[in-house]
Amino acid sequence: FLKEIPVRIKLDQMDPRVIPGLSVSVDVIVEEEE
């Protein structure tokens, strides 16, 4: 009853602490303004 769509997010900036396998949360910006 709950369907999920796979999405792939590419990192635009790297950090030495970022290694494969870490758990993350992602905020996708669908709309923004100043």
ModelCIF file with pLDDT and N, C-alpha, C, O atoms, coordinates in Angstrom:
data_MODEL
#
_entry.id   MODEL 
#
_entity.id                         1 
_entity.type                       polymer 
_entity.pdbx_number_of_molecules   1 
#
_entity_poly.entity_id                      1 
_entity_poly.type                           'polypeptide(L)' 
_entity_poly.nstd_linkage                   no 
_entity_poly.nstd_monomer                   no 
_entity_poly.pdbx_seq_one_letter_code       FLKEIPVRIKLDQMDPRVIPGLSVSVDVIVEEEE 
_entity_poly.pdbx_seq_one_letter_code_can   FLKEIPVRIKLDQMDPRVIPGLSVSVDVIVEEEE 
_entity_poly.pdbx_strand_id                 A 
#
loop_
_entity_poly_seq.entity_id 
_entity_poly_seq.num 
_entity_poly_seq.mon_id 
_entity_poly_seq.hetero 
1 1  PHE n 
1 2  LEU n 
1 3  LYS n 
1 4  GLU n 
1 5  ILE n 
1 6  PRO n 
1 7  VAL n 
1 8  ARG n 
1 9  ILE n 
1 10 LYS n 
1 11 LEU n 
1 12 ASP n 
1 13 GLN n 
1 14 MET n 
1 15 ASP n 
1 16 PRO n 
1 17 ARG n 
1 18 VAL n 
1 19 ILE n 
1 20 PRO n 
1 21 GLY n 
1 22 LEU n 
1 23 SER n 
1 24 VAL n 
1 25 SER n 
1 26 VAL n 
1 27 ASP n 
1 28 VAL n 
1 29 ILE n 
1 30 VAL n 
1 31 GLU n 
1 32 GLU n 
1 33 GLU n 
1 34 GLU n 
#
_struct_asym.id          A 
_struct_asym.entity_id   1 
#
loop_
_ma_qa_metric.id 
_ma_qa_metric.mode 
_ma_qa_metric.name 
_ma_qa_metric.software_group_id 
_ma_qa_metric.type 
1 global pLDDT . pLDDT 
2 local  pLDDT . pLDDT 
#
_ma_qa_metric_global.metric_id      1 
_ma_qa_metric_global.metric_value   87.00 
_ma_qa_metric_global.model_id       1 
_ma_qa_metric_global.ordinal_id     1 
#
loop_
_ma_qa_metric_local.label_asym_id 
_ma_qa_metric_local.label_comp_id 
_ma_qa_metric_local.label_seq_id 
_ma_qa_metric_local.metric_id 
_ma_qa_metric_local.metric_value 
_ma_qa_metric_local.model_id 
_ma_qa_metric_local.ordinal_id 
A PHE 1  2 69.00 1 1  
A LEU 2  2 75.00 1 2  
A LYS 3  2 84.00 1 3  
A GLU 4  2 87.00 1 4  
A ILE 5  2 90.00 1 5  
A PRO 6  2 92.00 1 6  
A VAL 7  2 94.00 1 7  
A ARG 8  2 95.00 1 8  
A ILE 9  2 95.00 1 9  
A LYS 10 2 95.00 1 10 
A LEU 11 2 95.00 1 11 
A ASP 12 2 94.00 1 12 
A GLN 13 2 92.00 1 13 
A MET 14 2 90.00 1 14 
A ASP 15 2 91.00 1 15 
A PRO 16 2 89.00 1 16 
A ARG 17 2 91.00 1 17 
A VAL 18 2 90.00 1 18 
A ILE 19 2 86.00 1 19 
A PRO 20 2 85.00 1 20 
A GLY 21 2 82.00 1 21 
A LEU 22 2 87.00 1 22 
A SER 23 2 90.00 1 23 
A VAL 24 2 93.00 1 24 
A SER 25 2 92.00 1 25 
A VAL 26 2 92.00 1 26 
A ASP 27 2 89.00 1 27 
A VAL 28 2 89.00 1 28 
A ILE 29 2 84.00 1 29 
A VAL 30 2 80.00 1 30 
A GLU 31 2 75.00 1 31 
A GLU 32 2 72.00 1 32 
A GLU 33 2 75.00 1 33 
A GLU 34 2 79.00 1 34 
#
loop_
_atom_site.group_PDB 
_atom_site.id 
_atom_site.type_symbol 
_atom_site.label_atom_id 
_atom_site.label_alt_id 
_atom_site.label_comp_id 
_atom_site.label_asym_id 
_atom_site.label_entity_id 
_atom_site.label_seq_id 
_atom_site.pdbx_PDB_ins_code 
_atom_site.Cartn_x 
_atom_site.Cartn_y 
_atom_site.Cartn_z 
_atom_site.occupancy 
_atom_site.B_iso_or_equiv 
_atom_site.pdbx_formal_charge 
_atom_site.auth_seq_id 
_atom_site.auth_comp_id 
_atom_site.auth_asym_id 
_atom_site.auth_atom_id 
_atom_site.pdbx_PDB_model_num 
ATOM 1   N N  . PHE A 1 1  ? 0.807  -1.219 0.000  1.00 69.00 ? 1  PHE A N  1 
ATOM 2   C CA . PHE A 1 1  ? 0.000  0.000  0.000  1.00 69.00 ? 1  PHE A CA 1 
ATOM 3   C C  . PHE A 1 1  ? 0.842  1.272  0.000  1.00 69.00 ? 1  PHE A C  1 
ATOM 4   O O  . PHE A 1 1  ? 0.306  2.359  -0.213 1.00 69.00 ? 1  PHE A O  1 
ATOM 5   N N  . LEU A 1 2  ? 2.136  1.161  0.231  1.00 75.00 ? 2  LEU A N  1 
ATOM 6   C CA . LEU A 1 2  ? 3.011  2.328  0.194  1.00 75.00 ? 2  LEU A CA 1 
ATOM 7   C C  . LEU A 1 2  ? 4.097  2.095  -0.847 1.00 75.00 ? 2  LEU A C  1 
ATOM 8   O O  . LEU A 1 2  ? 4.994  1.274  -0.657 1.00 75.00 ? 2  LEU A O  1 
ATOM 9   N N  . LYS A 1 3  ? 4.001  2.833  -1.950 1.00 84.00 ? 3  LYS A N  1 
ATOM 10  C CA . LYS A 1 3  ? 4.973  2.671  -3.025 1.00 84.00 ? 3  LYS A CA 1 
ATOM 11  C C  . LYS A 1 3  ? 6.028  3.758  -2.943 1.00 84.00 ? 3  LYS A C  1 
ATOM 12  O O  . LYS A 1 3  ? 5.722  4.915  -2.653 1.00 84.00 ? 3  LYS A O  1 
ATOM 13  N N  . GLU A 1 4  ? 7.280  3.379  -3.202 1.00 87.00 ? 4  GLU A N  1 
ATOM 14  C CA . GLU A 1 4  ? 8.392  4.315  -3.181 1.00 87.00 ? 4  GLU A CA 1 
ATOM 15  C C  . GLU A 1 4  ? 9.125  4.289  -4.506 1.00 87.00 ? 4  GLU A C  1 
ATOM 16  O O  . GLU A 1 4  ? 9.274  3.238  -5.130 1.00 87.00 ? 4  GLU A O  1 
ATOM 17  N N  . ILE A 1 5  ? 9.588  5.474  -4.934 1.00 90.00 ? 5  ILE A N  1 
ATOM 18  C CA . ILE A 1 5  ? 10.301 5.610  -6.204 1.00 90.00 ? 5  ILE A CA 1 
ATOM 19  C C  . ILE A 1 5  ? 11.787 5.825  -5.917 1.00 90.00 ? 5  ILE A C  1 
ATOM 20  O O  . ILE A 1 5  ? 12.137 6.738  -5.170 1.00 90.00 ? 5  ILE A O  1 
ATOM 21  N N  . PRO A 1 6  ? 12.662 5.008  -6.490 1.00 92.00 ? 6  PRO A N  1 
ATOM 22  C CA . PRO A 1 6  ? 14.105 5.232  -6.313 1.00 92.00 ? 6  PRO A CA 1 
ATOM 23  C C  . PRO A 1 6  ? 14.559 6.531  -6.976 1.00 92.00 ? 6  PRO A C  1 
ATOM 24  O O  . PRO A 1 6  ? 14.186 6.829  -8.110 1.00 92.00 ? 6  PRO A O  1 
ATOM 25  N N  . VAL A 1 7  ? 15.364 7.291  -6.252 1.00 94.00 ? 7  VAL A N  1 
ATOM 26  C CA . VAL A 1 7  ? 15.921 8.549  -6.743 1.00 94.00 ? 7  VAL A CA 1 
ATOM 27  C C  . VAL A 1 7  ? 17.416 8.548  -6.442 1.00 94.00 ? 7  VAL A C  1 
ATOM 28  O O  . VAL A 1 7  ? 17.843 8.097  -5.380 1.00 94.00 ? 7  VAL A O  1 
ATOM 29  N N  . ARG A 1 8  ? 18.196 9.052  -7.375 1.00 95.00 ? 8  ARG A N  1 
ATOM 30  C CA . ARG A 1 8  ? 19.644 9.128  -7.172 1.00 95.00 ? 8  ARG A CA 1 
ATOM 31  C C  . ARG A 1 8  ? 20.053 10.600 -7.098 1.00 95.00 ? 8  ARG A C  1 
ATOM 32  O O  . ARG A 1 8  ? 19.731 11.391 -7.985 1.00 95.00 ? 8  ARG A O  1 
ATOM 33  N N  . ILE A 1 9  ? 20.772 10.958 -6.021 1.00 95.00 ? 9  ILE A N  1 
ATOM 34  C CA . ILE A 1 9  ? 21.239 12.318 -5.788 1.00 95.00 ? 9  ILE A CA 1 
ATOM 35  C C  . ILE A 1 9  ? 22.751 12.346 -5.929 1.00 95.00 ? 9  ILE A C  1 
ATOM 36  O O  . ILE A 1 9  ? 23.449 11.585 -5.260 1.00 95.00 ? 9  ILE A O  1 
ATOM 37  N N  . LYS A 1 10 ? 23.266 13.216 -6.792 1.00 95.00 ? 10 LYS A N  1 
ATOM 38  C CA . LYS A 1 10 ? 24.721 13.320 -6.978 1.00 95.00 ? 10 LYS A CA 1 
ATOM 39  C C  . LYS A 1 10 ? 25.275 14.430 -6.094 1.00 95.00 ? 10 LYS A C  1 
ATOM 40  O O  . LYS A 1 10 ? 24.722 15.529 -6.061 1.00 95.00 ? 10 LYS A O  1 
ATOM 41  N N  . LEU A 1 11 ? 26.355 14.157 -5.381 1.00 95.00 ? 11 LEU A N  1 
ATOM 42  C CA . LEU A 1 11 ? 27.006 15.154 -4.539 1.00 95.00 ? 11 LEU A CA 1 
ATOM 43  C C  . LEU A 1 11 ? 27.790 16.127 -5.411 1.00 95.00 ? 11 LEU A C  1 
ATOM 44  O O  . LEU A 1 11 ? 28.595 15.714 -6.246 1.00 95.00 ? 11 LEU A O  1 
ATOM 45  N N  . ASP A 1 12 ? 27.549 17.427 -5.213 1.00 94.00 ? 12 ASP A N  1 
ATOM 46  C CA . ASP A 1 12 ? 28.260 18.449 -5.987 1.00 94.00 ? 12 ASP A CA 1 
ATOM 47  C C  . ASP A 1 12 ? 29.532 18.915 -5.294 1.00 94.00 ? 12 ASP A C  1 
ATOM 48  O O  . ASP A 1 12 ? 30.347 19.619 -5.890 1.00 94.00 ? 12 ASP A O  1 
ATOM 49  N N  . GLN A 1 13 ? 29.700 18.527 -4.045 1.00 92.00 ? 13 GLN A N  1 
ATOM 50  C CA . GLN A 1 13 ? 30.878 18.958 -3.279 1.00 92.00 ? 13 GLN A CA 1 
ATOM 51  C C  . GLN A 1 13 ? 31.292 17.801 -2.384 1.00 92.00 ? 13 GLN A C  1 
ATOM 52  O O  . GLN A 1 13 ? 30.438 17.136 -1.798 1.00 92.00 ? 13 GLN A O  1 
ATOM 53  N N  . MET A 1 14 ? 32.562 17.560 -2.275 1.00 90.00 ? 14 MET A N  1 
ATOM 54  C CA . MET A 1 14 ? 33.046 16.448 -1.466 1.00 90.00 ? 14 MET A CA 1 
ATOM 55  C C  . MET A 1 14 ? 33.641 16.959 -0.161 1.00 90.00 ? 14 MET A C  1 
ATOM 56  O O  . MET A 1 14 ? 34.034 18.120 -0.047 1.00 90.00 ? 14 MET A O  1 
ATOM 57  N N  . ASP A 1 15 ? 33.696 16.081 0.800  1.00 91.00 ? 15 ASP A N  1 
ATOM 58  C CA . ASP A 1 15 ? 34.261 16.364 2.116  1.00 91.00 ? 15 ASP A CA 1 
ATOM 59  C C  . ASP A 1 15 ? 35.026 15.120 2.536  1.00 91.00 ? 15 ASP A C  1 
ATOM 60  O O  . ASP A 1 15 ? 34.562 14.006 2.293  1.00 91.00 ? 15 ASP A O  1 
ATOM 61  N N  . PRO A 1 16 ? 36.190 15.283 3.162  1.00 89.00 ? 16 PRO A N  1 
ATOM 62  C CA . PRO A 1 16 ? 36.982 14.093 3.534  1.00 89.00 ? 16 PRO A CA 1 
ATOM 63  C C  . PRO A 1 16 ? 36.253 13.145 4.476  1.00 89.00 ? 16 PRO A C  1 
ATOM 64  O O  . PRO A 1 16 ? 36.616 11.973 4.577  1.00 89.00 ? 16 PRO A O  1 
ATOM 65  N N  . ARG A 1 17 ? 35.229 13.640 5.168  1.00 91.00 ? 17 ARG A N  1 
ATOM 66  C CA . ARG A 1 17 ? 34.464 12.774 6.082  1.00 91.00 ? 17 ARG A CA 1 
ATOM 67  C C  . ARG A 1 17 ? 33.460 11.893 5.353  1.00 91.00 ? 17 ARG A C  1 
ATOM 68  O O  . ARG A 1 17 ? 32.955 10.927 5.926  1.00 91.00 ? 17 ARG A O  1 
ATOM 69  N N  . VAL A 1 18 ? 33.167 12.210 4.112  1.00 90.00 ? 18 VAL A N  1 
ATOM 70  C CA . VAL A 1 18 ? 32.157 11.464 3.358  1.00 90.00 ? 18 VAL A CA 1 
ATOM 71  C C  . VAL A 1 18 ? 32.779 10.200 2.791  1.00 90.00 ? 18 VAL A C  1 
ATOM 72  O O  . VAL A 1 18 ? 33.694 10.250 1.969  1.00 90.00 ? 18 VAL A O  1 
ATOM 73  N N  . ILE A 1 19 ? 32.266 9.070  3.245  1.00 86.00 ? 19 ILE A N  1 
ATOM 74  C CA . ILE A 1 19 ? 32.727 7.770  2.761  1.00 86.00 ? 19 ILE A CA 1 
ATOM 75  C C  . ILE A 1 19 ? 31.511 6.946  2.350  1.00 86.00 ? 19 ILE A C  1 
ATOM 76  O O  . ILE A 1 19 ? 30.401 7.224  2.804  1.00 86.00 ? 19 ILE A O  1 
ATOM 77  N N  . PRO A 1 20 ? 31.699 5.942  1.501  1.00 85.00 ? 20 PRO A N  1 
ATOM 78  C CA . PRO A 1 20 ? 30.571 5.115  1.073  1.00 85.00 ? 20 PRO A CA 1 
ATOM 79  C C  . PRO A 1 20 ? 29.915 4.398  2.259  1.00 85.00 ? 20 PRO A C  1 
ATOM 80  O O  . PRO A 1 20 ? 30.585 3.997  3.210  1.00 85.00 ? 20 PRO A O  1 
ATOM 81  N N  . GLY A 1 21 ? 28.600 4.251  2.177  1.00 82.00 ? 21 GLY A N  1 
ATOM 82  C CA . GLY A 1 21 ? 27.876 3.469  3.181  1.00 82.00 ? 21 GLY A CA 1 
ATOM 83  C C  . GLY A 1 21 ? 27.269 4.281  4.309  1.00 82.00 ? 21 GLY A C  1 
ATOM 84  O O  . GLY A 1 21 ? 26.563 3.713  5.142  1.00 82.00 ? 21 GLY A O  1 
ATOM 85  N N  . LEU A 1 22 ? 27.511 5.588  4.374  1.00 87.00 ? 22 LEU A N  1 
ATOM 86  C CA . LEU A 1 22 ? 26.946 6.402  5.453  1.00 87.00 ? 22 LEU A CA 1 
ATOM 87  C C  . LEU A 1 22 ? 25.442 6.584  5.250  1.00 87.00 ? 22 LEU A C  1 
ATOM 88  O O  . LEU A 1 22 ? 24.971 6.669  4.116  1.00 87.00 ? 22 LEU A O  1 
ATOM 89  N N  . SER A 1 23 ? 24.692 6.641  6.350  1.00 90.00 ? 23 SER A N  1 
ATOM 90  C CA . SER A 1 23 ? 23.265 6.934  6.270  1.00 90.00 ? 23 SER A CA 1 
ATOM 91  C C  . SER A 1 23 ? 23.077 8.442  6.226  1.00 90.00 ? 23 SER A C  1 
ATOM 92  O O  . SER A 1 23 ? 23.753 9.183  6.940  1.00 90.00 ? 23 SER A O  1 
ATOM 93  N N  . VAL A 1 24 ? 22.152 8.890  5.382  1.00 93.00 ? 24 VAL A N  1 
ATOM 94  C CA . VAL A 1 24 ? 21.958 10.316 5.155  1.00 93.00 ? 24 VAL A CA 1 
ATOM 95  C C  . VAL A 1 24 ? 20.473 10.646 5.089  1.00 93.00 ? 24 VAL A C  1 
ATOM 96  O O  . VAL A 1 24 ? 19.621 9.764  4.983  1.00 93.00 ? 24 VAL A O  1 
ATOM 97  N N  . SER A 1 25 ? 20.191 11.946 5.156  1.00 92.00 ? 25 SER A N  1 
ATOM 98  C CA . SER A 1 25 ? 18.868 12.461 4.831  1.00 92.00 ? 25 SER A CA 1 
ATOM 99  C C  . SER A 1 25 ? 19.050 13.506 3.741  1.00 92.00 ? 25 SER A C  1 
ATOM 100 O O  . SER A 1 25 ? 20.080 14.179 3.688  1.00 92.00 ? 25 SER A O  1 
ATOM 101 N N  . VAL A 1 26 ? 18.058 13.644 2.873  1.00 92.00 ? 26 VAL A N  1 
ATOM 102 C CA . VAL A 1 26 ? 18.170 14.542 1.730  1.00 92.00 ? 26 VAL A CA 1 
ATOM 103 C C  . VAL A 1 26 ? 16.955 15.454 1.677  1.00 92.00 ? 26 VAL A C  1 
ATOM 104 O O  . VAL A 1 26 ? 15.816 14.992 1.754  1.00 92.00 ? 26 VAL A O  1 
ATOM 105 N N  . ASP A 1 27 ? 17.206 16.756 1.546  1.00 89.00 ? 27 ASP A N  1 
ATOM 106 C CA . ASP A 1 27 ? 16.154 17.731 1.278  1.00 89.00 ? 27 ASP A CA 1 
ATOM 107 C C  . ASP A 1 27 ? 16.296 18.167 -0.176 1.00 89.00 ? 27 ASP A C  1 
ATOM 108 O O  . ASP A 1 27 ? 17.313 18.744 -0.560 1.00 89.00 ? 27 ASP A O  1 
ATOM 109 N N  . VAL A 1 28 ? 15.271 17.889 -0.985 1.00 89.00 ? 28 VAL A N  1 
ATOM 110 C CA . VAL A 1 28 ? 15.261 18.335 -2.375 1.00 89.00 ? 28 VAL A CA 1 
ATOM 111 C C  . VAL A 1 28 ? 14.522 19.661 -2.434 1.00 89.00 ? 28 VAL A C  1 
ATOM 112 O O  . VAL A 1 28 ? 13.392 19.773 -1.958 1.00 89.00 ? 28 VAL A O  1 
ATOM 113 N N  . ILE A 1 29 ? 15.160 20.661 -3.017 1.00 84.00 ? 29 ILE A N  1 
ATOM 114 C CA . ILE A 1 29 ? 14.585 22.004 -3.094 1.00 84.00 ? 29 ILE A CA 1 
ATOM 115 C C  . ILE A 1 29 ? 13.713 22.080 -4.339 1.00 84.00 ? 29 ILE A C  1 
ATOM 116 O O  . ILE A 1 29 ? 14.220 22.154 -5.459 1.00 84.00 ? 29 ILE A O  1 
ATOM 117 N N  . VAL A 1 30 ? 12.399 22.060 -4.138 1.00 80.00 ? 30 VAL A N  1 
ATOM 118 C CA . VAL A 1 30 ? 11.476 22.083 -5.274 1.00 80.00 ? 30 VAL A CA 1 
ATOM 119 C C  . VAL A 1 30 ? 11.110 23.505 -5.674 1.00 80.00 ? 30 VAL A C  1 
ATOM 120 O O  . VAL A 1 30 ? 10.673 23.738 -6.801 1.00 80.00 ? 30 VAL A O  1 
ATOM 121 N N  . GLU A 1 31 ? 11.286 24.468 -4.751 1.00 75.00 ? 31 GLU A N  1 
ATOM 122 C CA . GLU A 1 31 ? 10.976 25.863 -5.053 1.00 75.00 ? 31 GLU A CA 1 
ATOM 123 C C  . GLU A 1 31 ? 11.717 26.723 -4.053 1.00 75.00 ? 31 GLU A C  1 
ATOM 124 O O  . GLU A 1 31 ? 11.817 26.351 -2.883 1.00 75.00 ? 31 GLU A O  1 
ATOM 125 N N  . GLU A 1 32 ? 12.243 27.872 -4.482 1.00 72.00 ? 32 GLU A N  1 
ATOM 126 C CA . GLU A 1 32 ? 12.944 28.758 -3.580 1.00 72.00 ? 32 GLU A CA 1 
ATOM 127 C C  . GLU A 1 32 ? 12.871 30.189 -4.081 1.00 72.00 ? 32 GLU A C  1 
ATOM 128 O O  . GLU A 1 32 ? 12.631 30.428 -5.264 1.00 72.00 ? 32 GLU A O  1 
ATOM 129 N N  . GLU A 1 33 ? 13.080 31.141 -3.178 1.00 75.00 ? 33 GLU A N  1 
ATOM 130 C CA . GLU A 1 33 ? 13.111 32.548 -3.542 1.00 75.00 ? 33 GLU A CA 1 
ATOM 131 C C  . GLU A 1 33 ? 13.831 33.318 -2.453 1.00 75.00 ? 33 GLU A C  1 
ATOM 132 O O  . GLU A 1 33 ? 13.920 32.869 -1.311 1.00 75.00 ? 33 GLU A O  1 
ATOM 133 N N  . GLU A 1 34 ? 14.341 34.474 -2.816 1.00 79.00 ? 34 GLU A N  1 
ATOM 134 C CA . GLU A 1 34 ? 14.952 35.383 -1.860 1.00 79.00 ? 34 GLU A CA 1 
ATOM 135 C C  . GLU A 1 34 ? 13.849 36.224 -1.231 1.00 79.00 ? 34 GLU A C  1 
ATOM 136 O O  . GLU A 1 34 ? 14.127 37.072 -0.383 1.00 79.00 ? 34 GLU A O  1 
#
